Amino acid sequence: MATQHAASPEWSQENVRRQLESAQGADGAAAQVFFDDQVAADQLVAALGRAMREAQARLGVAAEVKVGRISVLAKSVSVQGSPQILAELLNSADVCAVLPCEVADIYPKPGDPHPVG
């Protein structure tokens, strides 16, 4: 039996959108889209396509999104494109998380840095 965890407020749709917008380059923002356990591994691209069409329809915009690496084990797909569209993917029933590919400072900082030698 899988345990449902509450999502961190840090990864709310609005915060994800802000992070994607601040990290976007010439080709748009880069993100990793994670899918629900109910999505079969061989259906990731089809689920992403559905989620993209739904997101574009909800926002009323058509934006190109490039699909990158597909990770069957993680049930995720890397994408690059409009930050608004990528953040809107969070509203898809098949998507459980959208995380920016560039996450600032995920490692702990040393408590007492001092020179070695």
N, C-alpha and C. Protein backbone atom coordinates (compact mmCIF):
# COMPACT_ATOMS: atom_id res chain seq x y z
N MET A 1 0.85 -1.18 0.00
CA MET A 1 0.00 0.00 0.00
C MET A 1 0.89 1.24 0.00
N ALA A 2 0.70 2.10 -0.99
CA ALA A 2 1.51 3.31 -1.11
C ALA A 2 1.00 4.38 -0.14
N THR A 3 1.92 5.11 0.44
CA THR A 3 1.57 6.18 1.35
C THR A 3 1.57 7.49 0.60
N GLN A 4 0.50 8.26 0.74
CA GLN A 4 0.43 9.57 0.11
C GLN A 4 1.07 10.59 1.03
N HIS A 5 2.00 11.38 0.48
CA HIS A 5 2.65 12.43 1.25
C HIS A 5 2.16 13.77 0.77
N ALA A 6 2.00 14.70 1.69
CA ALA A 6 1.60 16.04 1.30
C ALA A 6 2.77 16.72 0.59
N ALA A 7 2.46 17.41 -0.49
CA ALA A 7 3.50 18.11 -1.24
C ALA A 7 4.00 19.29 -0.44
N SER A 8 5.28 19.54 -0.55
CA SER A 8 5.87 20.69 0.12
C SER A 8 5.34 21.97 -0.52
N PRO A 9 5.03 22.99 0.28
CA PRO A 9 4.58 24.26 -0.28
C PRO A 9 5.63 24.87 -1.20
N GLU A 10 6.89 24.50 -1.02
CA GLU A 10 7.97 25.00 -1.87
C GLU A 10 7.76 24.59 -3.31
N TRP A 11 7.05 23.47 -3.53
CA TRP A 11 6.84 22.97 -4.89
C TRP A 11 5.41 23.17 -5.36
N SER A 12 4.74 24.21 -4.85
CA SER A 12 3.40 24.54 -5.32
C SER A 12 3.50 25.01 -6.77
N GLN A 13 2.36 25.02 -7.45
CA GLN A 13 2.36 25.39 -8.86
C GLN A 13 2.95 26.79 -9.07
N GLU A 14 2.58 27.74 -8.22
CA GLU A 14 3.08 29.11 -8.38
C GLU A 14 4.59 29.18 -8.14
N ASN A 15 5.09 28.48 -7.14
CA ASN A 15 6.53 28.49 -6.88
C ASN A 15 7.30 27.79 -8.00
N VAL A 16 6.76 26.70 -8.51
CA VAL A 16 7.41 26.01 -9.63
C VAL A 16 7.46 26.95 -10.83
N ARG A 17 6.35 27.64 -11.11
CA ARG A 17 6.31 28.56 -12.25
C ARG A 17 7.37 29.65 -12.08
N ARG A 18 7.48 30.22 -10.87
CA ARG A 18 8.48 31.27 -10.62
C ARG A 18 9.90 30.75 -10.83
N GLN A 19 10.17 29.55 -10.32
CA GLN A 19 11.51 28.98 -10.49
C GLN A 19 11.81 28.68 -11.94
N LEU A 20 10.82 28.18 -12.68
CA LEU A 20 11.02 27.91 -14.10
C LEU A 20 11.28 29.20 -14.87
N GLU A 21 10.53 30.25 -14.56
CA GLU A 21 10.72 31.52 -15.24
C GLU A 21 12.09 32.12 -14.95
N SER A 22 12.55 31.99 -13.72
CA SER A 22 13.85 32.58 -13.36
C SER A 22 15.02 31.79 -13.93
N ALA A 23 14.81 30.52 -14.24
CA ALA A 23 15.90 29.69 -14.75
C ALA A 23 15.85 29.48 -16.25
N GLN A 24 14.88 30.09 -16.93
CA GLN A 24 14.74 29.80 -18.36
C GLN A 24 15.85 30.43 -19.19
N GLY A 25 16.19 29.74 -20.26
CA GLY A 25 17.20 30.21 -21.19
C GLY A 25 16.56 30.55 -22.52
N ALA A 26 17.36 30.56 -23.56
CA ALA A 26 16.88 30.91 -24.90
C ALA A 26 15.81 29.93 -25.41
N ASP A 27 15.89 28.67 -25.02
CA ASP A 27 14.93 27.66 -25.47
C ASP A 27 13.79 27.45 -24.48
N GLY A 28 13.65 28.32 -23.52
CA GLY A 28 12.60 28.18 -22.52
C GLY A 28 13.14 27.55 -21.25
N ALA A 29 12.24 27.16 -20.39
CA ALA A 29 12.61 26.55 -19.11
C ALA A 29 12.77 25.05 -19.28
N ALA A 30 13.58 24.45 -18.41
CA ALA A 30 13.78 23.01 -18.42
C ALA A 30 13.21 22.43 -17.14
N ALA A 31 12.47 21.34 -17.27
CA ALA A 31 11.85 20.72 -16.10
C ALA A 31 11.82 19.21 -16.27
N GLN A 32 11.60 18.55 -15.15
CA GLN A 32 11.42 17.10 -15.11
C GLN A 32 9.97 16.87 -14.69
N VAL A 33 9.21 16.15 -15.51
CA VAL A 33 7.81 15.86 -15.23
C VAL A 33 7.71 14.43 -14.74
N PHE A 34 7.18 14.25 -13.53
CA PHE A 34 7.03 12.93 -12.92
C PHE A 34 5.56 12.51 -12.99
N PHE A 35 5.35 11.26 -13.38
CA PHE A 35 3.99 10.77 -13.57
C PHE A 35 3.54 9.88 -12.43
N ASP A 36 2.23 9.81 -12.27
CA ASP A 36 1.58 8.99 -11.26
C ASP A 36 1.88 7.52 -11.49
N ASP A 37 1.83 6.72 -10.43
CA ASP A 37 2.09 5.29 -10.53
C ASP A 37 1.11 4.57 -11.46
N GLN A 38 -0.07 5.15 -11.66
CA GLN A 38 -1.08 4.51 -12.51
C GLN A 38 -0.73 4.58 -14.00
N VAL A 39 0.22 5.45 -14.37
CA VAL A 39 0.63 5.57 -15.77
C VAL A 39 1.65 4.46 -16.06
N ALA A 40 1.35 3.64 -17.06
CA ALA A 40 2.26 2.56 -17.43
C ALA A 40 3.54 3.15 -18.01
N ALA A 41 4.66 2.49 -17.76
CA ALA A 41 5.96 2.97 -18.21
C ALA A 41 6.01 3.17 -19.72
N ASP A 42 5.34 2.31 -20.47
CA ASP A 42 5.36 2.45 -21.92
C ASP A 42 4.36 3.49 -22.43
N GLN A 43 3.66 4.15 -21.53
CA GLN A 43 2.67 5.17 -21.90
C GLN A 43 3.09 6.58 -21.47
N LEU A 44 4.35 6.76 -21.08
CA LEU A 44 4.80 8.07 -20.60
C LEU A 44 4.66 9.16 -21.66
N VAL A 45 5.08 8.87 -22.88
CA VAL A 45 5.01 9.89 -23.94
C VAL A 45 3.56 10.22 -24.26
N ALA A 46 2.69 9.22 -24.31
CA ALA A 46 1.27 9.47 -24.57
C ALA A 46 0.65 10.28 -23.44
N ALA A 47 1.00 9.97 -22.20
CA ALA A 47 0.48 10.72 -21.05
C ALA A 47 0.98 12.16 -21.08
N LEU A 48 2.23 12.36 -21.47
CA LEU A 48 2.77 13.72 -21.58
C LEU A 48 2.03 14.48 -22.67
N GLY A 49 1.77 13.83 -23.79
CA GLY A 49 1.04 14.48 -24.88
C GLY A 49 -0.35 14.93 -24.45
N ARG A 50 -1.06 14.06 -23.74
CA ARG A 50 -2.39 14.40 -23.22
C ARG A 50 -2.30 15.58 -22.26
N ALA A 51 -1.34 15.50 -21.32
CA ALA A 51 -1.18 16.55 -20.32
C ALA A 51 -0.84 17.89 -20.99
N MET A 52 -0.01 17.86 -22.04
CA MET A 52 0.37 19.08 -22.75
C MET A 52 -0.84 19.68 -23.46
N ARG A 53 -1.63 18.87 -24.14
CA ARG A 53 -2.82 19.38 -24.84
C ARG A 53 -3.80 19.99 -23.84
N GLU A 54 -3.98 19.32 -22.69
CA GLU A 54 -4.88 19.85 -21.66
C GLU A 54 -4.36 21.18 -21.12
N ALA A 55 -3.06 21.27 -20.85
CA ALA A 55 -2.45 22.49 -20.31
C ALA A 55 -2.59 23.64 -21.30
N GLN A 56 -2.33 23.37 -22.56
CA GLN A 56 -2.45 24.41 -23.59
C GLN A 56 -3.89 24.87 -23.72
N ALA A 57 -4.85 23.95 -23.65
CA ALA A 57 -6.26 24.31 -23.75
C ALA A 57 -6.70 25.15 -22.55
N ARG A 58 -6.26 24.78 -21.33
CA ARG A 58 -6.63 25.54 -20.14
C ARG A 58 -6.08 26.96 -20.19
N LEU A 59 -4.85 27.11 -20.69
CA LEU A 59 -4.22 28.43 -20.75
C LEU A 59 -4.59 29.20 -22.01
N GLY A 60 -5.12 28.50 -23.00
CA GLY A 60 -5.50 29.15 -24.25
C GLY A 60 -4.31 29.57 -25.09
N VAL A 61 -3.20 28.86 -24.96
CA VAL A 61 -2.01 29.17 -25.76
C VAL A 61 -1.46 27.88 -26.37
N ALA A 62 -0.80 28.05 -27.48
CA ALA A 62 -0.11 26.92 -28.11
C ALA A 62 1.38 27.22 -28.03
N ALA A 63 2.11 26.39 -27.35
CA ALA A 63 3.55 26.61 -27.19
C ALA A 63 4.28 25.30 -27.45
N GLU A 64 5.40 25.39 -28.13
CA GLU A 64 6.19 24.20 -28.42
C GLU A 64 6.95 23.76 -27.18
N VAL A 65 6.92 22.48 -26.92
CA VAL A 65 7.67 21.91 -25.81
C VAL A 65 8.50 20.77 -26.36
N LYS A 66 9.79 20.80 -26.08
CA LYS A 66 10.69 19.75 -26.54
C LYS A 66 10.78 18.66 -25.49
N VAL A 67 10.70 17.43 -25.94
CA VAL A 67 10.81 16.28 -25.05
C VAL A 67 12.25 15.79 -25.08
N GLY A 68 12.82 15.57 -23.91
CA GLY A 68 14.19 15.09 -23.81
C GLY A 68 14.23 13.65 -23.36
N ARG A 69 15.00 13.40 -22.32
CA ARG A 69 15.23 12.05 -21.81
C ARG A 69 13.98 11.50 -21.13
N ILE A 70 13.69 10.25 -21.41
CA ILE A 70 12.57 9.55 -20.78
C ILE A 70 13.15 8.53 -19.83
N SER A 71 12.77 8.62 -18.56
CA SER A 71 13.25 7.69 -17.55
C SER A 71 12.10 6.77 -17.14
N VAL A 72 12.16 5.54 -17.60
CA VAL A 72 11.10 4.57 -17.31
C VAL A 72 11.07 4.24 -15.81
N LEU A 73 12.23 4.06 -15.21
CA LEU A 73 12.27 3.71 -13.78
C LEU A 73 11.71 4.81 -12.90
N ALA A 74 12.04 6.06 -13.21
CA ALA A 74 11.55 7.19 -12.41
C ALA A 74 10.17 7.66 -12.85
N LYS A 75 9.68 7.08 -13.96
CA LYS A 75 8.41 7.52 -14.57
C LYS A 75 8.42 9.02 -14.76
N SER A 76 9.47 9.49 -15.45
CA SER A 76 9.60 10.92 -15.68
C SER A 76 10.10 11.19 -17.09
N VAL A 77 9.85 12.42 -17.51
CA VAL A 77 10.28 12.89 -18.82
C VAL A 77 10.86 14.28 -18.64
N SER A 78 12.01 14.54 -19.24
CA SER A 78 12.55 15.89 -19.20
C SER A 78 11.97 16.66 -20.38
N VAL A 79 11.60 17.90 -20.11
CA VAL A 79 10.98 18.75 -21.12
C VAL A 79 11.59 20.14 -21.07
N GLN A 80 11.43 20.87 -22.17
CA GLN A 80 11.92 22.24 -22.24
C GLN A 80 10.93 23.05 -23.04
N GLY A 81 10.55 24.22 -22.51
CA GLY A 81 9.59 25.07 -23.20
C GLY A 81 9.06 26.17 -22.32
N SER A 82 7.84 26.58 -22.57
CA SER A 82 7.19 27.67 -21.86
C SER A 82 7.03 27.36 -20.38
N PRO A 83 7.51 28.24 -19.49
CA PRO A 83 7.35 28.01 -18.05
C PRO A 83 5.89 27.89 -17.62
N GLN A 84 5.01 28.66 -18.25
CA GLN A 84 3.59 28.62 -17.89
C GLN A 84 2.99 27.26 -18.24
N ILE A 85 3.32 26.75 -19.43
CA ILE A 85 2.80 25.45 -19.84
C ILE A 85 3.36 24.35 -18.93
N LEU A 86 4.66 24.40 -18.66
CA LEU A 86 5.29 23.37 -17.83
C LEU A 86 4.69 23.37 -16.42
N ALA A 87 4.47 24.53 -15.85
CA ALA A 87 3.87 24.60 -14.51
C ALA A 87 2.42 24.14 -14.54
N GLU A 88 1.72 24.41 -15.63
CA GLU A 88 0.32 24.01 -15.76
C GLU A 88 0.17 22.48 -15.81
N LEU A 89 1.23 21.78 -16.15
CA LEU A 89 1.18 20.31 -16.17
C LEU A 89 0.83 19.74 -14.80
N LEU A 90 1.08 20.51 -13.73
CA LEU A 90 0.74 20.05 -12.39
C LEU A 90 -0.76 19.79 -12.23
N ASN A 91 -1.58 20.38 -13.08
CA ASN A 91 -3.03 20.19 -12.99
C ASN A 91 -3.51 18.94 -13.71
N SER A 92 -2.61 18.21 -14.33
CA SER A 92 -2.98 16.97 -15.01
C SER A 92 -3.15 15.84 -14.00
N ALA A 93 -4.15 15.01 -14.20
CA ALA A 93 -4.38 13.88 -13.30
C ALA A 93 -3.24 12.87 -13.36
N ASP A 94 -2.54 12.80 -14.50
CA ASP A 94 -1.46 11.83 -14.67
C ASP A 94 -0.13 12.30 -14.09
N VAL A 95 0.00 13.59 -13.82
CA VAL A 95 1.27 14.17 -13.37
C VAL A 95 1.24 14.32 -11.85
N CYS A 96 2.31 13.83 -11.19
CA CYS A 96 2.36 13.99 -9.73
C CYS A 96 3.33 15.09 -9.31
N ALA A 97 4.28 15.48 -10.18
CA ALA A 97 5.21 16.55 -9.84
C ALA A 97 5.88 17.10 -11.09
N VAL A 98 6.19 18.39 -11.03
CA VAL A 98 7.01 19.05 -12.05
C VAL A 98 8.08 19.80 -11.28
N LEU A 99 9.32 19.44 -11.55
CA LEU A 99 10.43 20.08 -10.84
C LEU A 99 11.38 20.72 -11.84
N PRO A 100 11.84 21.93 -11.55
CA PRO A 100 12.82 22.56 -12.44
C PRO A 100 14.09 21.72 -12.51
N CYS A 101 14.70 21.68 -13.67
CA CYS A 101 15.96 20.92 -13.81
C CYS A 101 17.09 21.61 -13.07
N GLU A 102 17.02 22.92 -12.97
CA GLU A 102 18.03 23.66 -12.23
C GLU A 102 17.47 24.04 -10.88
N VAL A 103 17.90 23.34 -9.85
CA VAL A 103 17.46 23.61 -8.49
C VAL A 103 18.63 24.24 -7.75
N ALA A 104 18.41 25.43 -7.25
CA ALA A 104 19.49 26.15 -6.58
C ALA A 104 19.82 25.50 -5.24
N ASP A 105 21.08 25.16 -5.08
CA ASP A 105 21.63 24.75 -3.80
C ASP A 105 20.87 23.62 -3.11
N ILE A 106 21.06 22.41 -3.59
CA ILE A 106 20.40 21.27 -2.95
C ILE A 106 21.29 20.55 -1.95
N TYR A 107 22.55 20.97 -1.90
CA TYR A 107 23.48 20.32 -0.99
C TYR A 107 23.60 21.10 0.31
N PRO A 108 23.83 20.42 1.43
CA PRO A 108 24.00 21.14 2.69
C PRO A 108 25.32 21.92 2.69
N LYS A 109 25.31 23.02 3.38
CA LYS A 109 26.51 23.84 3.49
C LYS A 109 27.32 23.34 4.69
N PRO A 110 28.66 23.41 4.60
CA PRO A 110 29.48 22.98 5.74
C PRO A 110 29.25 23.91 6.91
N GLY A 111 29.26 23.33 8.10
CA GLY A 111 29.00 24.11 9.31
C GLY A 111 30.18 24.95 9.76
N ASP A 112 31.39 24.44 9.60
CA ASP A 112 32.57 25.15 10.07
C ASP A 112 33.67 25.03 9.03
N PRO A 113 33.57 25.80 7.93
CA PRO A 113 34.61 25.67 6.90
C PRO A 113 35.94 26.26 7.37
N HIS A 114 37.01 25.55 7.10
CA HIS A 114 38.34 26.05 7.43
C HIS A 114 39.34 25.46 6.42
N PRO A 115 40.41 26.17 6.18
CA PRO A 115 41.39 25.69 5.20
C PRO A 115 42.03 24.37 5.63
N VAL A 116 42.31 23.54 4.66
CA VAL A 116 42.96 22.26 4.93
C VAL A 116 44.44 22.43 4.61
N GLY A 117 45.28 21.93 5.51
CA GLY A 117 46.71 21.93 5.19
C GLY A 117 47.57 22.61 6.16
